[in-house]
Amino acid sequence: MAGSLAVVDDKLGSVLDPAYVAGLADLTMDELRARRAVCQSLEGVMSFRRRMAQGRLDIVGAEWRRREMGEESLDSAGSVAQLPDVLSEGFVQRSGARAAAVIDPDEAAMDTKELDAIVGPGVLASLAGLSDDELKEQIRRLSAYEQELSEHRRVLHERLDAFQAEITRRYQSGEASVDSLLS
């Protein structure tokens, strides 16, 4: 399973390299579509990882806000009962945001080992026992991870736009035809 995760991350490294979109006009339509599909798949993986990080950040942030408000610590049942509210608090649909692609990536691509190494389920279950400094460090680490994932997604979106623009250009210029899709 970890081997598959390494493959995903190796693919991401090659796609993030500017060479991945160099010379688009020289690629065949099949090559363009294949590269676009790789980007779409990776964007789905990065979106999943980012949502997982944001959820954990929401949970840790709720503990921080609880402390700032001087509220009493919650037991496990109280923490679990608050999860729906905590996880829906920060959800705001931004205009101009890309629609999430519906993908079915392999299970290994959705592995959370990297995120678990930052703030795993054991830490989430014992947030009340962390010092303020430890809690701030968890927020800092989760924020940095989420920002890294956001940057990867931004570059993937640029790649997707470049592939789509080249494909569209070919159809508009007559270099490619819809008829070729039907045969």
N, C-alpha and C. Protein backbone atom coordinates (compact mmCIF):
# COMPACT_ATOMS: atom_id res chain seq x y z
N MET A 1 0.82 -1.18 0.00
CA MET A 1 0.00 0.00 0.00
C MET A 1 0.87 1.25 0.00
N ALA A 2 1.89 1.30 0.83
CA ALA A 2 2.77 2.47 0.86
C ALA A 2 3.48 2.65 -0.47
N GLY A 3 3.71 1.54 -1.18
CA GLY A 3 4.34 1.65 -2.49
C GLY A 3 3.48 2.44 -3.45
N SER A 4 2.16 2.21 -3.40
CA SER A 4 1.24 2.96 -4.26
C SER A 4 1.24 4.43 -3.92
N LEU A 5 1.31 4.74 -2.63
CA LEU A 5 1.36 6.14 -2.20
C LEU A 5 2.61 6.81 -2.74
N ALA A 6 3.73 6.11 -2.72
CA ALA A 6 4.97 6.67 -3.26
C ALA A 6 4.82 6.94 -4.76
N VAL A 7 4.12 6.05 -5.47
CA VAL A 7 3.90 6.24 -6.90
C VAL A 7 3.10 7.51 -7.14
N VAL A 8 2.04 7.73 -6.33
CA VAL A 8 1.24 8.95 -6.44
C VAL A 8 2.13 10.17 -6.24
N ASP A 9 2.95 10.14 -5.21
CA ASP A 9 3.79 11.30 -4.92
C ASP A 9 4.91 11.47 -5.95
N ASP A 10 5.41 10.37 -6.52
CA ASP A 10 6.39 10.48 -7.61
C ASP A 10 5.74 11.10 -8.84
N LYS A 11 4.51 10.67 -9.15
CA LYS A 11 3.78 11.25 -10.28
C LYS A 11 3.57 12.74 -10.06
N LEU A 12 3.21 13.10 -8.85
CA LEU A 12 2.98 14.51 -8.53
C LEU A 12 4.24 15.31 -8.79
N GLY A 13 5.38 14.79 -8.37
CA GLY A 13 6.64 15.48 -8.60
C GLY A 13 6.90 15.72 -10.07
N SER A 14 6.63 14.72 -10.90
CA SER A 14 6.88 14.91 -12.34
C SER A 14 5.87 15.88 -12.95
N VAL A 15 4.62 15.85 -12.50
CA VAL A 15 3.61 16.76 -13.03
C VAL A 15 3.87 18.20 -12.60
N LEU A 16 4.40 18.39 -11.42
CA LEU A 16 4.68 19.75 -10.94
C LEU A 16 5.89 20.35 -11.64
N ASP A 17 6.72 19.52 -12.26
CA ASP A 17 7.88 20.00 -13.01
C ASP A 17 7.39 20.76 -14.24
N PRO A 18 7.90 21.98 -14.48
CA PRO A 18 7.47 22.76 -15.65
C PRO A 18 7.63 22.02 -16.98
N ALA A 19 8.54 21.06 -17.05
CA ALA A 19 8.75 20.30 -18.28
C ALA A 19 7.50 19.50 -18.67
N TYR A 20 6.63 19.21 -17.70
CA TYR A 20 5.44 18.40 -17.97
C TYR A 20 4.50 19.08 -18.96
N VAL A 21 4.53 20.42 -19.00
CA VAL A 21 3.65 21.15 -19.93
C VAL A 21 4.44 21.86 -21.02
N ALA A 22 5.71 21.55 -21.14
CA ALA A 22 6.52 22.16 -22.20
C ALA A 22 6.21 21.46 -23.52
N GLY A 23 6.14 22.21 -24.59
CA GLY A 23 5.95 21.64 -25.92
C GLY A 23 4.62 20.98 -26.14
N LEU A 24 3.56 21.54 -25.60
CA LEU A 24 2.24 20.93 -25.74
C LEU A 24 1.83 20.76 -27.20
N ALA A 25 2.21 21.70 -28.04
CA ALA A 25 1.83 21.65 -29.45
C ALA A 25 2.45 20.43 -30.15
N ASP A 26 3.51 19.88 -29.59
CA ASP A 26 4.18 18.73 -30.20
C ASP A 26 3.59 17.39 -29.75
N LEU A 27 2.72 17.40 -28.75
CA LEU A 27 2.13 16.16 -28.24
C LEU A 27 0.94 15.74 -29.10
N THR A 28 0.72 14.45 -29.16
CA THR A 28 -0.47 13.95 -29.85
C THR A 28 -1.68 14.23 -28.96
N MET A 29 -2.88 14.16 -29.56
CA MET A 29 -4.10 14.34 -28.77
C MET A 29 -4.19 13.28 -27.67
N ASP A 30 -3.79 12.06 -27.98
CA ASP A 30 -3.83 11.00 -26.97
C ASP A 30 -2.89 11.32 -25.81
N GLU A 31 -1.70 11.86 -26.13
CA GLU A 31 -0.76 12.23 -25.07
C GLU A 31 -1.31 13.38 -24.23
N LEU A 32 -1.91 14.37 -24.89
CA LEU A 32 -2.52 15.49 -24.15
C LEU A 32 -3.60 14.98 -23.21
N ARG A 33 -4.47 14.14 -23.73
CA ARG A 33 -5.57 13.61 -22.91
C ARG A 33 -5.03 12.75 -21.76
N ALA A 34 -4.01 11.97 -22.02
CA ALA A 34 -3.44 11.13 -20.97
C ALA A 34 -2.82 11.97 -19.86
N ARG A 35 -2.08 13.01 -20.26
CA ARG A 35 -1.48 13.89 -19.25
C ARG A 35 -2.56 14.63 -18.47
N ARG A 36 -3.60 15.07 -19.17
CA ARG A 36 -4.71 15.75 -18.50
C ARG A 36 -5.36 14.81 -17.49
N ALA A 37 -5.53 13.55 -17.87
CA ALA A 37 -6.15 12.56 -16.97
C ALA A 37 -5.29 12.33 -15.72
N VAL A 38 -3.97 12.32 -15.89
CA VAL A 38 -3.08 12.17 -14.74
C VAL A 38 -3.27 13.36 -13.80
N CYS A 39 -3.32 14.56 -14.38
CA CYS A 39 -3.52 15.77 -13.56
C CYS A 39 -4.86 15.73 -12.84
N GLN A 40 -5.91 15.28 -13.52
CA GLN A 40 -7.23 15.20 -12.89
C GLN A 40 -7.22 14.22 -11.73
N SER A 41 -6.57 13.10 -11.92
CA SER A 41 -6.49 12.10 -10.86
C SER A 41 -5.72 12.64 -9.66
N LEU A 42 -4.57 13.26 -9.93
CA LEU A 42 -3.77 13.82 -8.85
C LEU A 42 -4.50 14.96 -8.14
N GLU A 43 -5.25 15.76 -8.89
CA GLU A 43 -6.01 16.84 -8.27
C GLU A 43 -7.03 16.26 -7.30
N GLY A 44 -7.64 15.15 -7.65
CA GLY A 44 -8.57 14.49 -6.75
C GLY A 44 -7.90 14.01 -5.47
N VAL A 45 -6.71 13.46 -5.61
CA VAL A 45 -5.96 13.00 -4.44
C VAL A 45 -5.58 14.20 -3.56
N MET A 46 -5.08 15.28 -4.18
CA MET A 46 -4.69 16.46 -3.40
C MET A 46 -5.90 17.10 -2.73
N SER A 47 -7.04 17.09 -3.42
CA SER A 47 -8.27 17.64 -2.83
C SER A 47 -8.69 16.83 -1.61
N PHE A 48 -8.61 15.51 -1.74
CA PHE A 48 -8.95 14.65 -0.61
C PHE A 48 -8.02 14.92 0.57
N ARG A 49 -6.73 14.94 0.31
CA ARG A 49 -5.77 15.18 1.39
C ARG A 49 -6.00 16.55 2.04
N ARG A 50 -6.30 17.53 1.21
CA ARG A 50 -6.53 18.88 1.72
C ARG A 50 -7.79 18.93 2.58
N ARG A 51 -8.85 18.28 2.14
CA ARG A 51 -10.08 18.24 2.94
C ARG A 51 -9.84 17.55 4.29
N MET A 52 -9.05 16.49 4.26
CA MET A 52 -8.72 15.80 5.52
C MET A 52 -7.93 16.72 6.45
N ALA A 53 -6.97 17.44 5.90
CA ALA A 53 -6.17 18.37 6.70
C ALA A 53 -7.05 19.49 7.24
N GLN A 54 -7.94 20.01 6.41
CA GLN A 54 -8.83 21.09 6.86
C GLN A 54 -9.75 20.61 7.98
N GLY A 55 -10.23 19.39 7.87
CA GLY A 55 -11.08 18.84 8.93
C GLY A 55 -10.34 18.75 10.25
N ARG A 56 -9.11 18.28 10.19
CA ARG A 56 -8.32 18.18 11.42
C ARG A 56 -7.98 19.56 11.95
N LEU A 57 -7.71 20.48 11.06
CA LEU A 57 -7.44 21.85 11.48
C LEU A 57 -8.68 22.46 12.15
N ASP A 58 -9.85 22.17 11.63
CA ASP A 58 -11.09 22.65 12.25
C ASP A 58 -11.23 22.09 13.66
N ILE A 59 -10.91 20.81 13.83
CA ILE A 59 -11.04 20.17 15.15
C ILE A 59 -10.05 20.78 16.14
N VAL A 60 -8.81 20.93 15.72
CA VAL A 60 -7.79 21.52 16.61
C VAL A 60 -8.13 22.99 16.89
N GLY A 61 -8.59 23.69 15.86
CA GLY A 61 -8.98 25.09 16.04
C GLY A 61 -10.14 25.25 17.01
N ALA A 62 -11.08 24.31 16.99
CA ALA A 62 -12.21 24.37 17.93
C ALA A 62 -11.71 24.22 19.37
N GLU A 63 -10.73 23.38 19.56
CA GLU A 63 -10.15 23.24 20.91
C GLU A 63 -9.47 24.54 21.32
N TRP A 64 -8.78 25.18 20.39
CA TRP A 64 -8.12 26.45 20.69
C TRP A 64 -9.17 27.52 21.06
N ARG A 65 -10.23 27.59 20.27
CA ARG A 65 -11.30 28.58 20.56
C ARG A 65 -11.97 28.28 21.89
N ARG A 66 -12.17 27.01 22.21
CA ARG A 66 -12.77 26.62 23.48
C ARG A 66 -11.93 27.16 24.62
N ARG A 67 -10.63 27.03 24.50
CA ARG A 67 -9.72 27.51 25.54
C ARG A 67 -9.75 29.04 25.63
N GLU A 68 -9.74 29.70 24.49
CA GLU A 68 -9.78 31.16 24.49
C GLU A 68 -11.05 31.69 25.14
N MET A 69 -12.14 30.97 25.00
CA MET A 69 -13.42 31.38 25.59
C MET A 69 -13.51 30.99 27.06
N GLY A 70 -12.50 30.25 27.54
CA GLY A 70 -12.50 29.84 28.94
C GLY A 70 -13.50 28.74 29.26
N GLU A 71 -13.91 28.00 28.23
CA GLU A 71 -14.87 26.93 28.45
C GLU A 71 -14.18 25.70 29.03
N GLU A 72 -14.95 24.87 29.71
CA GLU A 72 -14.42 23.66 30.31
C GLU A 72 -14.07 22.63 29.23
N SER A 73 -13.13 21.76 29.57
CA SER A 73 -12.76 20.67 28.66
C SER A 73 -13.94 19.74 28.46
N LEU A 74 -14.01 19.19 27.26
CA LEU A 74 -15.06 18.23 26.96
C LEU A 74 -14.52 16.82 27.11
N ASP A 75 -15.38 15.91 27.54
CA ASP A 75 -14.98 14.51 27.53
C ASP A 75 -15.11 14.00 26.09
N SER A 76 -14.75 12.76 25.86
CA SER A 76 -14.78 12.20 24.51
C SER A 76 -16.17 12.28 23.90
N ALA A 77 -17.19 11.95 24.66
CA ALA A 77 -18.56 11.98 24.14
C ALA A 77 -18.95 13.40 23.75
N GLY A 78 -18.58 14.38 24.55
CA GLY A 78 -18.89 15.78 24.24
C GLY A 78 -18.17 16.24 22.99
N SER A 79 -16.92 15.83 22.85
CA SER A 79 -16.14 16.19 21.67
C SER A 79 -16.75 15.59 20.41
N VAL A 80 -17.14 14.33 20.49
CA VAL A 80 -17.74 13.66 19.34
C VAL A 80 -19.08 14.31 19.00
N ALA A 81 -19.85 14.66 19.99
CA ALA A 81 -21.16 15.29 19.76
C ALA A 81 -21.01 16.63 19.04
N GLN A 82 -19.91 17.33 19.27
CA GLN A 82 -19.70 18.63 18.64
C GLN A 82 -19.11 18.56 17.24
N LEU A 83 -18.63 17.40 16.83
CA LEU A 83 -17.97 17.28 15.53
C LEU A 83 -18.78 17.81 14.35
N PRO A 84 -20.06 17.48 14.22
CA PRO A 84 -20.80 18.02 13.07
C PRO A 84 -20.77 19.55 13.00
N ASP A 85 -20.93 20.20 14.15
CA ASP A 85 -20.88 21.66 14.17
C ASP A 85 -19.48 22.19 13.86
N VAL A 86 -18.49 21.56 14.45
CA VAL A 86 -17.09 22.00 14.24
C VAL A 86 -16.70 21.87 12.78
N LEU A 87 -17.05 20.74 12.18
CA LEU A 87 -16.62 20.47 10.80
C LEU A 87 -17.44 21.25 9.77
N SER A 88 -18.60 21.73 10.14
CA SER A 88 -19.39 22.51 9.18
C SER A 88 -19.21 24.01 9.36
N GLU A 89 -18.61 24.44 10.47
CA GLU A 89 -18.42 25.87 10.75
C GLU A 89 -17.67 26.60 9.65
N GLY A 90 -16.53 26.05 9.24
CA GLY A 90 -15.68 26.75 8.29
C GLY A 90 -16.07 26.55 6.85
N PHE A 91 -17.11 25.76 6.59
CA PHE A 91 -17.47 25.47 5.21
C PHE A 91 -18.21 26.66 4.61
N VAL A 92 -17.59 27.25 3.61
CA VAL A 92 -18.20 28.36 2.88
C VAL A 92 -17.95 28.10 1.41
N GLN A 93 -18.98 28.09 0.61
CA GLN A 93 -18.81 27.90 -0.83
C GLN A 93 -18.30 29.20 -1.43
N ARG A 94 -17.10 29.18 -1.96
CA ARG A 94 -16.51 30.37 -2.56
C ARG A 94 -16.92 30.46 -4.01
N SER A 95 -17.25 31.66 -4.42
CA SER A 95 -17.55 31.83 -5.84
C SER A 95 -16.26 31.71 -6.61
N GLY A 96 -16.35 31.16 -7.78
CA GLY A 96 -15.15 30.99 -8.60
C GLY A 96 -14.37 29.74 -8.26
N ALA A 97 -14.76 29.03 -7.21
CA ALA A 97 -14.05 27.81 -6.86
C ALA A 97 -14.37 26.75 -7.91
N ARG A 98 -13.41 25.91 -8.18
CA ARG A 98 -13.62 24.83 -9.15
C ARG A 98 -14.52 23.78 -8.54
N ALA A 99 -15.34 23.23 -9.37
CA ALA A 99 -16.18 22.12 -8.94
C ALA A 99 -15.29 20.91 -8.70
N ALA A 100 -15.58 20.20 -7.65
CA ALA A 100 -14.79 19.01 -7.36
C ALA A 100 -15.09 17.94 -8.39
N ALA A 101 -14.04 17.35 -8.91
CA ALA A 101 -14.21 16.28 -9.89
C ALA A 101 -14.65 15.01 -9.16
N VAL A 102 -15.46 14.25 -9.79
CA VAL A 102 -15.87 12.96 -9.24
C VAL A 102 -14.89 11.94 -9.76
N ILE A 103 -14.09 11.41 -8.86
CA ILE A 103 -13.09 10.43 -9.26
C ILE A 103 -13.17 9.23 -8.34
N ASP A 104 -12.53 8.18 -8.74
CA ASP A 104 -12.47 6.97 -7.93
C ASP A 104 -11.01 6.53 -7.85
N PRO A 105 -10.19 7.28 -7.10
CA PRO A 105 -8.78 6.91 -7.02
C PRO A 105 -8.61 5.63 -6.20
N ASP A 106 -7.46 5.00 -6.40
CA ASP A 106 -7.25 3.77 -5.65
C ASP A 106 -7.11 4.09 -4.16
N GLU A 107 -7.35 3.08 -3.36
CA GLU A 107 -7.37 3.25 -1.91
C GLU A 107 -6.03 3.76 -1.38
N ALA A 108 -4.93 3.29 -1.94
CA ALA A 108 -3.61 3.70 -1.46
C ALA A 108 -3.39 5.20 -1.67
N ALA A 109 -3.96 5.76 -2.74
CA ALA A 109 -3.79 7.19 -3.00
C ALA A 109 -4.46 8.03 -1.92
N MET A 110 -5.43 7.46 -1.24
CA MET A 110 -6.15 8.18 -0.19
C MET A 110 -5.57 7.92 1.20
N ASP A 111 -4.41 7.34 1.25
CA ASP A 111 -3.73 7.06 2.50
C ASP A 111 -3.48 8.37 3.26
N THR A 112 -3.63 8.34 4.56
CA THR A 112 -3.44 9.55 5.38
C THR A 112 -2.19 9.47 6.26
N LYS A 113 -1.25 8.61 5.90
CA LYS A 113 -0.05 8.44 6.75
C LYS A 113 0.69 9.75 6.97
N GLU A 114 0.85 10.53 5.92
CA GLU A 114 1.57 11.80 6.05
C GLU A 114 0.84 12.74 7.01
N LEU A 115 -0.46 12.84 6.86
CA LEU A 115 -1.26 13.68 7.74
C LEU A 115 -1.27 13.12 9.16
N ASP A 116 -1.37 11.80 9.29
CA ASP A 116 -1.34 11.18 10.61
C ASP A 116 -0.03 11.46 11.34
N ALA A 117 1.07 11.58 10.59
CA ALA A 117 2.36 11.89 11.20
C ALA A 117 2.37 13.32 11.75
N ILE A 118 1.55 14.19 11.19
CA ILE A 118 1.47 15.58 11.66
C ILE A 118 0.54 15.64 12.87
N VAL A 119 -0.70 15.23 12.68
CA VAL A 119 -1.68 15.20 13.76
C VAL A 119 -2.56 13.98 13.52
N GLY A 120 -2.23 12.92 14.21
CA GLY A 120 -2.96 11.67 14.03
C GLY A 120 -4.19 11.58 14.90
N PRO A 121 -4.96 10.52 14.69
CA PRO A 121 -6.18 10.33 15.47
C PRO A 121 -5.94 10.30 16.97
N GLY A 122 -4.81 9.76 17.40
CA GLY A 122 -4.51 9.73 18.84
C GLY A 122 -4.37 11.12 19.43
N VAL A 123 -3.74 12.02 18.67
CA VAL A 123 -3.60 13.40 19.12
C VAL A 123 -4.97 14.07 19.14
N LEU A 124 -5.75 13.85 18.09
CA LEU A 124 -7.09 14.46 18.02
C LEU A 124 -7.96 14.02 19.19
N ALA A 125 -7.78 12.78 19.62
CA ALA A 125 -8.59 12.26 20.73
C ALA A 125 -8.15 12.81 22.07
N SER A 126 -6.97 13.39 22.13
CA SER A 126 -6.46 13.87 23.43
C SER A 126 -6.05 15.35 23.39
N LEU A 127 -6.75 16.15 22.60
CA LEU A 127 -6.41 17.57 22.48
C LEU A 127 -6.47 18.31 23.81
N ALA A 128 -7.43 17.95 24.65
CA ALA A 128 -7.58 18.63 25.93
C ALA A 128 -6.35 18.47 26.81
N GLY A 129 -5.57 17.42 26.58
CA GLY A 129 -4.37 17.18 27.37
C GLY A 129 -3.13 17.91 26.88
N LEU A 130 -3.22 18.57 25.72
CA LEU A 130 -2.07 19.29 25.18
C LEU A 130 -1.94 20.66 25.84
N SER A 131 -0.71 21.09 25.97
CA SER A 131 -0.49 22.46 26.46
C SER A 131 -0.87 23.44 25.36
N ASP A 132 -1.00 24.71 25.72
CA ASP A 132 -1.31 25.73 24.72
C ASP A 132 -0.23 25.77 23.64
N ASP A 133 1.03 25.66 24.03
CA ASP A 133 2.11 25.68 23.05
C ASP A 133 2.05 24.47 22.12
N GLU A 134 1.73 23.31 22.67
CA GLU A 134 1.61 22.11 21.84
C GLU A 134 0.43 22.25 20.87
N LEU A 135 -0.64 22.82 21.35
CA LEU A 135 -1.81 23.02 20.49
C LEU A 135 -1.49 24.02 19.37
N LYS A 136 -0.79 25.10 19.70
CA LYS A 136 -0.38 26.07 18.67
C LYS A 136 0.51 25.40 17.63
N GLU A 137 1.40 24.52 18.08
CA GLU A 137 2.29 23.82 17.16
C GLU A 137 1.50 22.91 16.22
N GLN A 138 0.47 22.26 16.74
CA GLN A 138 -0.37 21.41 15.90
C GLN A 138 -1.06 22.26 14.84
N ILE A 139 -1.56 23.42 15.23
CA ILE A 139 -2.21 24.33 14.28
C ILE A 139 -1.21 24.79 13.23
N ARG A 140 -0.01 25.13 13.65
CA ARG A 140 1.01 25.59 12.71
C ARG A 140 1.36 24.49 11.71
N ARG A 141 1.57 23.28 12.19
CA ARG A 141 1.95 22.17 11.31
C ARG A 141 0.83 21.81 10.33
N LEU A 142 -0.39 21.77 10.83
CA LEU A 142 -1.53 21.47 9.95
C LEU A 142 -1.72 22.57 8.91
N SER A 143 -1.57 23.82 9.32
CA SER A 143 -1.72 24.94 8.38
C SER A 143 -0.66 24.88 7.29
N ALA A 144 0.56 24.56 7.66
CA ALA A 144 1.65 24.47 6.68
C ALA A 144 1.37 23.34 5.68
N TYR A 145 0.90 22.21 6.18
CA TYR A 145 0.58 21.08 5.31
C TYR A 145 -0.56 21.44 4.36
N GLU A 146 -1.60 22.07 4.88
CA GLU A 146 -2.74 22.47 4.06
C GLU A 146 -2.31 23.48 3.00
N GLN A 147 -1.43 24.40 3.35
CA GLN A 147 -0.95 25.38 2.37
C GLN A 147 -0.12 24.71 1.27
N GLU A 148 0.68 23.72 1.65
CA GLU A 148 1.46 22.98 0.66
C GLU A 148 0.53 22.25 -0.32
N LEU A 149 -0.50 21.61 0.21
CA LEU A 149 -1.46 20.93 -0.65
C LEU A 149 -2.20 21.92 -1.55
N SER A 150 -2.54 23.07 -1.01
CA SER A 150 -3.22 24.10 -1.81
C SER A 150 -2.34 24.57 -2.96
N GLU A 151 -1.05 24.71 -2.70
CA GLU A 151 -0.12 25.12 -3.76
C GLU A 151 -0.02 24.03 -4.83
N HIS A 152 0.04 22.77 -4.42
CA HIS A 152 0.06 21.68 -5.40
C HIS A 152 -1.20 21.71 -6.26
N ARG A 153 -2.34 21.91 -5.63
CA ARG A 153 -3.60 21.97 -6.38
C ARG A 153 -3.60 23.15 -7.35
N ARG A 154 -3.08 24.28 -6.93
CA ARG A 154 -3.03 25.46 -7.80
C ARG A 154 -2.23 25.14 -9.06
N VAL A 155 -1.08 24.50 -8.90
CA VAL A 155 -0.25 24.15 -10.05
C VAL A 155 -0.96 23.10 -10.91
N LEU A 156 -1.60 22.14 -10.29
CA LEU A 156 -2.35 21.14 -11.05
C LEU A 156 -3.45 21.80 -11.87
N HIS A 157 -4.12 22.79 -11.30
CA HIS A 157 -5.16 23.51 -12.04
C HIS A 157 -4.55 24.26 -13.23
N GLU A 158 -3.38 24.83 -13.04
CA GLU A 158 -2.70 25.48 -14.17
C GLU A 158 -2.39 24.48 -15.27
N ARG A 159 -1.91 23.29 -14.87
CA ARG A 159 -1.60 22.25 -15.85
C ARG A 159 -2.88 21.83 -16.59
N LEU A 160 -3.95 21.61 -15.85
CA LEU A 160 -5.22 21.22 -16.46
C LEU A 160 -5.69 22.28 -17.45
N ASP A 161 -5.58 23.53 -17.06
CA ASP A 161 -5.99 24.62 -17.95
C ASP A 161 -5.14 24.64 -19.22
N ALA A 162 -3.84 24.39 -19.08
CA ALA A 162 -2.95 24.39 -20.25
C ALA A 162 -3.30 23.26 -21.21
N PHE A 163 -3.55 22.06 -20.67
CA PHE A 163 -3.93 20.94 -21.53
C PHE A 163 -5.27 21.21 -22.21
N GLN A 164 -6.22 21.72 -21.44
CA GLN A 164 -7.54 22.00 -22.01
C GLN A 164 -7.46 23.08 -23.08
N ALA A 165 -6.65 24.10 -22.84
CA ALA A 165 -6.50 25.17 -23.83
C ALA A 165 -5.91 24.64 -25.13
N GLU A 166 -4.92 23.76 -25.03
CA GLU A 166 -4.32 23.19 -26.24
C GLU A 166 -5.30 22.30 -26.98
N ILE A 167 -6.06 21.50 -26.26
CA ILE A 167 -7.06 20.65 -26.90
C ILE A 167 -8.12 21.52 -27.59
N THR A 168 -8.58 22.53 -26.90
CA THR A 168 -9.58 23.45 -27.48
C THR A 168 -9.03 24.15 -28.71
N ARG A 169 -7.79 24.60 -28.62
CA ARG A 169 -7.16 25.29 -29.76
C ARG A 169 -7.15 24.38 -30.98
N ARG A 170 -6.83 23.12 -30.77
CA ARG A 170 -6.77 22.18 -31.90
C ARG A 170 -8.13 21.97 -32.55
N TYR A 171 -9.16 21.89 -31.72
CA TYR A 171 -10.51 21.74 -32.30
C TYR A 171 -10.93 23.01 -33.03
N GLN A 172 -10.63 24.16 -32.46
CA GLN A 172 -11.02 25.43 -33.08
C GLN A 172 -10.27 25.68 -34.38
N SER A 173 -9.02 25.27 -34.42
CA SER A 173 -8.21 25.51 -35.62
C SER A 173 -8.42 24.45 -36.70
N GLY A 174 -9.10 23.37 -36.35
CA GLY A 174 -9.32 22.31 -37.32
C GLY A 174 -8.24 21.24 -37.30
N GLU A 175 -7.22 21.38 -36.46
CA GLU A 175 -6.18 20.36 -36.36
C GLU A 175 -6.74 19.05 -35.83
N ALA A 176 -7.81 19.14 -35.05
CA ALA A 176 -8.48 17.95 -34.52
C ALA A 176 -9.96 18.08 -34.84
N SER A 177 -10.62 16.94 -34.97
CA SER A 177 -12.05 16.99 -35.26
C SER A 177 -12.80 16.09 -34.30
N VAL A 178 -14.03 16.46 -34.07
CA VAL A 178 -14.89 15.66 -33.22
C VAL A 178 -15.11 14.29 -33.84
N ASP A 179 -15.12 14.22 -35.15
CA ASP A 179 -15.31 12.94 -35.85
C ASP A 179 -14.27 11.90 -35.42
N SER A 180 -13.06 12.38 -35.11
CA SER A 180 -12.01 11.43 -34.70
C SER A 180 -12.34 10.77 -33.37
N LEU A 181 -13.16 11.41 -32.56
CA LEU A 181 -13.57 10.81 -31.29
C LEU A 181 -14.57 9.69 -31.50
N LEU A 182 -15.31 9.78 -32.58
CA LEU A 182 -16.38 8.81 -32.84
C LEU A 182 -15.88 7.52 -33.50
N SER A 183 -14.68 7.59 -34.08
CA SER A 183 -14.18 6.40 -34.78
C SER A 183 -13.34 5.52 -33.89
